[in-house]
Amino acid sequence: MAMMIPVEGNVSLRVEDTGGSGKPVFFVHGWPLDLKMFEYQFTTLKENGYRCIGLDLRGFGMSAKPWQHYNYDFFADDIQKVMNELKLEQKFAIVGFSMGGGIVMRYVAKYYPKNLSHVVFMGAAAPSFTKREGFPHGQDRAFCDQIITKLMQNRPRTIAEFGKLLFHNPESQGPEIFSWLFAQSMAASHYATVSSAKALRDEDLRNDMQMISGRNLPVAVFHGLHDKVSLFDLAKVMNSGIEGSKLVQFNESGHALNIEEKEKTNEELMKFIT
């Protein structure tokens, strides 16, 4: 079931809910995609008795596209408002991919819902996507600056080029996959795409990670060994920085591990959250 849930003024977000009485799993997509990126997870988990829920972040997919508020605090606030509307009472798991992983880290640190049972950071752009003082991991700031500059000149070409970075073996995917991801990305607004790229570059979640570490939540870090976007070093940082977390390494994947190794993703996800 698809619905629009209001979160701020005239801003409403598209939410997809498979329904059912099984354990809910809430998915937060990455930049610059939308909730459709998780279709292989929704279908398989639904068939195995889970209730899958996902949203299009503000500015992306079929959600409203306001001209303001593209940072992790507002994204986290949006998730909380969606949760309040859904009135989830049973234990649920949350999964964040890439930028969505960073947003989930902020959401869990800020709100820490009592009925949250498991957290999965999937190819997460966390705790900092870019290198900064005291943090020598991740991409150089120039990586994001170059993408932002190109987005201002030719967004379609920039998005198509970025799509090639998502896979360890892009030739194995076929042109249809890239067309599908391209269509998702182009459904976002230009302003949201640029503004969120700046947030991706600038957000620092090291304190959020420490807060999560102190809460004794079951946390898994799913990460492709050949990730060219959220570099694998980030997985090591999260695994060492979150007490008791589990690192699941995907040896045949780049960034889009949920597509490139979809069967392993689904199996490891269900095994972890059960």
Protein backbone atom coordinates (compact mmCIF):
# COMPACT_ATOMS: atom_id res chain seq x y z
CA MET A 1 0.00 0.00 0.00
CA ALA A 2 1.34 3.41 -0.97
CA MET A 3 0.40 6.52 0.97
CA MET A 4 1.40 10.15 1.38
CA ILE A 5 2.26 11.19 4.94
CA PRO A 6 2.54 14.89 5.86
CA VAL A 7 5.72 15.88 7.74
CA GLU A 8 6.05 19.66 7.47
CA GLY A 9 3.62 22.30 6.23
CA ASN A 10 2.68 21.26 2.71
CA VAL A 11 5.45 18.65 2.57
CA SER A 12 4.28 15.04 2.35
CA LEU A 13 6.37 11.94 1.82
CA ARG A 14 5.53 8.87 -0.19
CA VAL A 15 5.58 5.76 1.99
CA GLU A 16 5.23 2.16 0.80
CA ASP A 17 4.00 -0.45 3.30
CA THR A 18 3.56 -4.09 2.34
CA GLY A 19 1.38 -4.64 5.41
CA GLY A 20 0.96 -7.91 7.22
CA SER A 21 1.52 -8.98 10.81
CA GLY A 22 5.20 -9.91 10.46
CA LYS A 23 8.13 -8.02 11.92
CA PRO A 24 8.42 -4.57 10.30
CA VAL A 25 11.63 -3.64 8.49
CA PHE A 26 12.00 0.06 7.65
CA PHE A 27 14.24 0.97 4.69
CA VAL A 28 15.92 4.33 4.00
CA HIS A 29 17.34 4.73 0.49
CA GLY A 30 20.56 6.35 -0.69
CA TRP A 31 21.48 9.34 -2.85
CA PRO A 32 20.10 10.04 -5.43
CA LEU A 33 17.68 7.09 -5.59
CA ASP A 34 14.30 6.32 -3.99
CA LEU A 35 12.63 3.44 -2.15
CA LYS A 36 12.34 1.39 -5.35
CA MET A 37 16.04 0.55 -5.01
CA PHE A 38 14.99 -2.01 -2.39
CA GLU A 39 12.52 -3.94 -4.57
CA TYR A 40 14.52 -7.18 -4.32
CA GLN A 41 14.45 -6.90 -0.53
CA PHE A 42 10.75 -5.97 -0.32
CA THR A 43 9.63 -8.92 -2.43
CA THR A 44 11.80 -11.56 -0.77
CA LEU A 45 11.26 -10.39 2.79
CA LYS A 46 7.50 -10.07 2.23
CA GLU A 47 7.41 -13.65 0.94
CA ASN A 48 9.19 -14.71 4.12
CA GLY A 49 6.64 -13.12 6.41
CA TYR A 50 8.14 -9.69 7.08
CA ARG A 51 6.38 -6.35 6.77
CA CYS A 52 8.49 -4.01 4.63
CA ILE A 53 8.18 -0.23 4.85
CA GLY A 54 10.11 2.39 2.92
CA LEU A 55 9.88 6.08 2.16
CA ASP A 56 11.06 8.43 -0.54
CA LEU A 57 13.09 11.06 1.28
CA ARG A 58 11.99 14.66 0.80
CA GLY A 59 13.06 15.85 -2.63
CA PHE A 60 13.32 12.33 -4.04
CA GLY A 61 11.06 9.85 -5.82
CA MET A 62 7.37 10.69 -5.47
CA SER A 63 7.72 12.72 -2.26
CA ALA A 64 7.26 16.48 -2.12
CA LYS A 65 10.23 18.53 -3.31
CA PRO A 66 10.51 21.62 -1.12
CA TRP A 67 13.20 24.27 -1.59
CA GLN A 68 14.57 23.87 1.92
CA HIS A 69 15.72 21.58 4.73
CA TYR A 70 18.08 19.04 3.18
CA ASN A 71 20.25 17.95 6.07
CA TYR A 72 20.38 14.86 8.25
CA ASP A 73 18.47 16.44 11.13
CA PHE A 74 15.48 17.20 8.93
CA PHE A 75 15.67 13.80 7.24
CA ALA A 76 15.73 12.15 10.69
CA ASP A 77 12.81 14.30 11.83
CA ASP A 78 10.87 13.22 8.75
CA ILE A 79 11.44 9.56 9.60
CA GLN A 80 10.21 10.12 13.15
CA LYS A 81 7.04 11.82 11.89
CA VAL A 82 6.41 8.91 9.52
CA MET A 83 6.93 6.47 12.40
CA ASN A 84 4.47 8.40 14.56
CA GLU A 85 1.89 8.25 11.79
CA LEU A 86 2.38 4.51 11.26
CA LYS A 87 2.09 3.86 15.02
CA LEU A 88 4.45 0.89 14.98
CA GLU A 89 4.05 -0.84 18.33
CA GLN A 90 5.92 -4.09 17.74
CA LYS A 91 9.67 -4.45 17.52
CA PHE A 92 11.08 -3.26 14.17
CA ALA A 93 14.40 -3.19 12.33
CA ILE A 94 15.77 -0.28 10.33
CA VAL A 95 18.05 -0.44 7.28
CA GLY A 96 19.91 2.52 5.81
CA PHE A 97 21.78 2.43 2.51
CA SER A 98 24.62 4.86 1.66
CA MET A 99 23.41 8.38 2.56
CA GLY A 100 20.40 6.63 4.06
CA GLY A 101 22.83 4.87 6.40
CA GLY A 102 24.06 8.21 7.64
CA ILE A 103 20.50 9.41 8.08
CA VAL A 104 19.64 6.26 10.04
CA MET A 105 22.67 6.84 12.26
CA ARG A 106 21.41 10.35 13.04
CA TYR A 107 17.82 9.10 13.52
CA VAL A 108 18.76 6.35 15.95
CA ALA A 109 21.09 8.63 17.93
CA LYS A 110 18.51 11.43 18.08
CA TYR A 111 15.31 9.49 18.73
CA TYR A 112 16.31 5.97 19.87
CA PRO A 113 12.79 4.47 19.62
CA LYS A 114 12.08 1.96 22.40
CA ASN A 115 10.78 -0.68 20.02
CA LEU A 116 13.81 -0.58 17.70
CA SER A 117 15.33 -4.06 17.70
CA HIS A 118 18.05 -4.08 15.00
CA VAL A 119 20.00 -1.58 12.89
CA VAL A 120 21.64 -2.39 9.55
CA PHE A 121 24.09 0.01 7.92
CA MET A 122 24.30 -1.04 4.27
CA GLY A 123 27.12 0.54 2.25
CA ALA A 124 26.66 3.40 4.70
CA ALA A 125 28.21 6.81 4.13
CA ALA A 126 29.06 7.03 7.82
CA PRO A 127 30.33 8.17 10.22
CA SER A 128 31.76 10.67 7.73
CA PHE A 129 31.60 10.25 3.99
CA THR A 130 34.61 12.53 3.50
CA LYS A 131 37.98 12.94 5.14
CA ARG A 132 38.27 15.65 7.78
CA GLU A 133 40.49 16.63 10.67
CA GLY A 134 41.04 13.57 12.86
CA PHE A 135 39.30 11.33 10.31
CA PRO A 136 41.54 10.12 7.46
CA HIS A 137 38.93 7.77 5.99
CA GLY A 138 36.41 8.08 3.18
CA GLN A 139 36.45 10.21 0.05
CA ASP A 140 38.34 13.43 -0.42
CA ARG A 141 36.11 16.49 -0.19
CA ALA A 142 36.97 17.14 -3.83
CA PHE A 143 35.08 13.97 -4.82
CA CYS A 144 31.81 15.59 -3.73
CA ASP A 145 32.76 19.06 -4.95
CA GLN A 146 33.36 17.69 -8.42
CA ILE A 147 29.99 15.91 -8.49
CA ILE A 148 28.21 19.06 -7.29
CA THR A 149 29.90 21.17 -9.97
CA LYS A 150 28.96 18.65 -12.66
CA LEU A 151 25.36 18.48 -11.39
CA MET A 152 25.09 22.23 -11.93
CA GLN A 153 26.30 21.82 -15.51
CA ASN A 154 24.68 18.59 -16.71
CA ARG A 155 22.70 16.57 -14.18
CA PRO A 156 21.68 13.70 -16.52
CA ARG A 157 25.25 13.00 -17.61
CA THR A 158 26.54 13.29 -14.03
CA ILE A 159 23.94 10.84 -12.76
CA ALA A 160 24.74 8.39 -15.57
CA GLU A 161 28.46 8.57 -14.73
CA PHE A 162 27.78 8.06 -11.03
CA GLY A 163 25.69 4.98 -11.81
CA LYS A 164 28.77 3.25 -13.20
CA LEU A 165 30.49 3.59 -9.80
CA LEU A 166 27.82 1.55 -8.00
CA PHE A 167 28.96 -1.91 -9.09
CA HIS A 168 32.09 -4.02 -8.82
CA ASN A 169 31.29 -5.60 -12.19
CA PRO A 170 29.10 -3.10 -14.04
CA GLU A 171 29.29 -5.11 -17.27
CA SER A 172 27.45 -7.98 -15.58
CA GLN A 173 24.39 -5.86 -14.86
CA GLY A 174 23.25 -4.95 -18.35
CA PRO A 175 21.94 -1.58 -19.60
CA GLU A 176 18.46 -2.13 -18.16
CA ILE A 177 19.71 -1.88 -14.55
CA PHE A 178 21.41 1.42 -15.30
CA SER A 179 18.28 2.74 -17.02
CA TRP A 180 16.22 1.74 -13.98
CA LEU A 181 18.56 3.47 -11.52
CA PHE A 182 18.85 6.50 -13.81
CA ALA A 183 15.06 6.89 -13.91
CA GLN A 184 14.89 6.76 -10.11
CA SER A 185 17.62 9.37 -9.79
CA MET A 186 16.08 11.75 -12.30
CA ALA A 187 12.78 11.66 -10.39
CA ALA A 188 14.51 13.69 -7.67
CA SER A 189 14.57 17.46 -7.93
CA HIS A 190 17.77 19.15 -9.04
CA TYR A 191 17.79 21.24 -5.86
CA ALA A 192 17.39 18.21 -3.59
CA THR A 193 20.09 16.32 -5.47
CA VAL A 194 22.62 19.15 -5.11
CA SER A 195 21.67 20.07 -1.54
CA SER A 196 21.81 16.48 -0.34
CA ALA A 197 25.21 16.00 -1.99
CA LYS A 198 26.42 18.93 0.10
CA ALA A 199 24.99 17.31 3.24
CA LEU A 200 26.66 14.04 2.28
CA ARG A 201 29.95 15.91 2.02
CA ASP A 202 29.60 17.95 5.22
CA GLU A 203 27.79 15.83 7.83
CA ASP A 204 29.90 14.44 10.69
CA LEU A 205 28.29 11.53 12.56
CA ARG A 206 31.11 10.51 14.86
CA ASN A 207 29.24 11.61 17.98
CA ASP A 208 26.09 9.86 16.75
CA MET A 209 28.07 6.66 16.28
CA GLN A 210 29.36 6.88 19.86
CA MET A 211 25.81 7.32 21.15
CA ILE A 212 24.64 4.23 19.26
CA SER A 213 27.62 2.27 20.54
CA GLY A 214 26.56 3.00 24.11
CA ARG A 215 23.02 1.72 23.65
CA ASN A 216 23.81 -1.98 23.19
CA LEU A 217 21.65 -2.30 20.09
CA PRO A 218 22.23 -5.19 17.71
CA VAL A 219 23.98 -3.48 14.77
CA ALA A 220 25.20 -5.01 11.50
CA VAL A 221 27.45 -3.35 8.94
CA PHE A 222 26.87 -4.71 5.42
CA HIS A 223 29.53 -3.47 3.01
CA GLY A 224 30.89 -4.36 -0.41
CA LEU A 225 34.63 -5.00 -0.41
CA HIS A 226 34.99 -3.21 -3.75
CA ASP A 227 32.84 -0.17 -2.88
CA LYS A 228 34.05 2.85 -4.89
CA VAL A 229 31.57 5.26 -3.28
CA SER A 230 31.46 4.57 0.46
CA LEU A 231 34.93 3.14 0.75
CA PHE A 232 35.34 -0.11 2.69
CA ASP A 233 37.43 1.62 5.37
CA LEU A 234 34.19 3.21 6.58
CA ALA A 235 32.81 -0.26 7.34
CA LYS A 236 35.87 -0.99 9.47
CA VAL A 237 35.44 2.31 11.33
CA MET A 238 31.79 1.57 12.09
CA ASN A 239 32.53 -2.00 13.12
CA SER A 240 35.25 -0.90 15.55
CA GLY A 241 33.36 2.20 16.70
CA ILE A 242 30.05 0.48 17.55
CA GLU A 243 30.47 -1.92 20.42
CA GLY A 244 29.28 -5.43 19.58
CA SER A 245 28.49 -4.67 15.94
CA LYS A 246 28.76 -7.34 13.26
CA LEU A 247 30.60 -6.74 9.98
CA VAL A 248 29.24 -8.66 6.99
CA GLN A 249 31.64 -8.37 4.06
CA PHE A 250 30.35 -8.75 0.50
CA ASN A 251 33.33 -9.98 -1.51
CA GLU A 252 31.73 -9.75 -4.95
CA SER A 253 30.07 -6.35 -4.57
CA GLY A 254 30.71 -2.69 -5.00
CA HIS A 255 28.39 -0.07 -3.51
CA ALA A 256 25.05 -1.54 -4.65
CA LEU A 257 25.48 -4.82 -2.78
CA ASN A 258 21.71 -5.26 -2.43
CA ILE A 259 21.56 -5.63 -6.22
CA GLU A 260 24.92 -7.15 -7.07
CA GLU A 261 24.64 -9.81 -4.33
CA LYS A 262 20.91 -9.64 -3.72
CA GLU A 263 20.55 -13.25 -2.55
CA LYS A 264 23.29 -12.89 0.07
CA THR A 265 21.89 -9.52 1.14
CA ASN A 266 18.45 -10.97 1.74
CA GLU A 267 19.74 -14.07 3.51
CA GLU A 268 22.07 -12.12 5.81
CA LEU A 269 19.41 -9.52 6.50
CA MET A 270 16.76 -12.05 7.52
CA LYS A 271 19.28 -14.02 9.57
CA PHE A 272 20.36 -10.91 11.45
CA ILE A 273 17.00 -9.31 12.21
CA THR A 274 15.14 -12.49 13.19
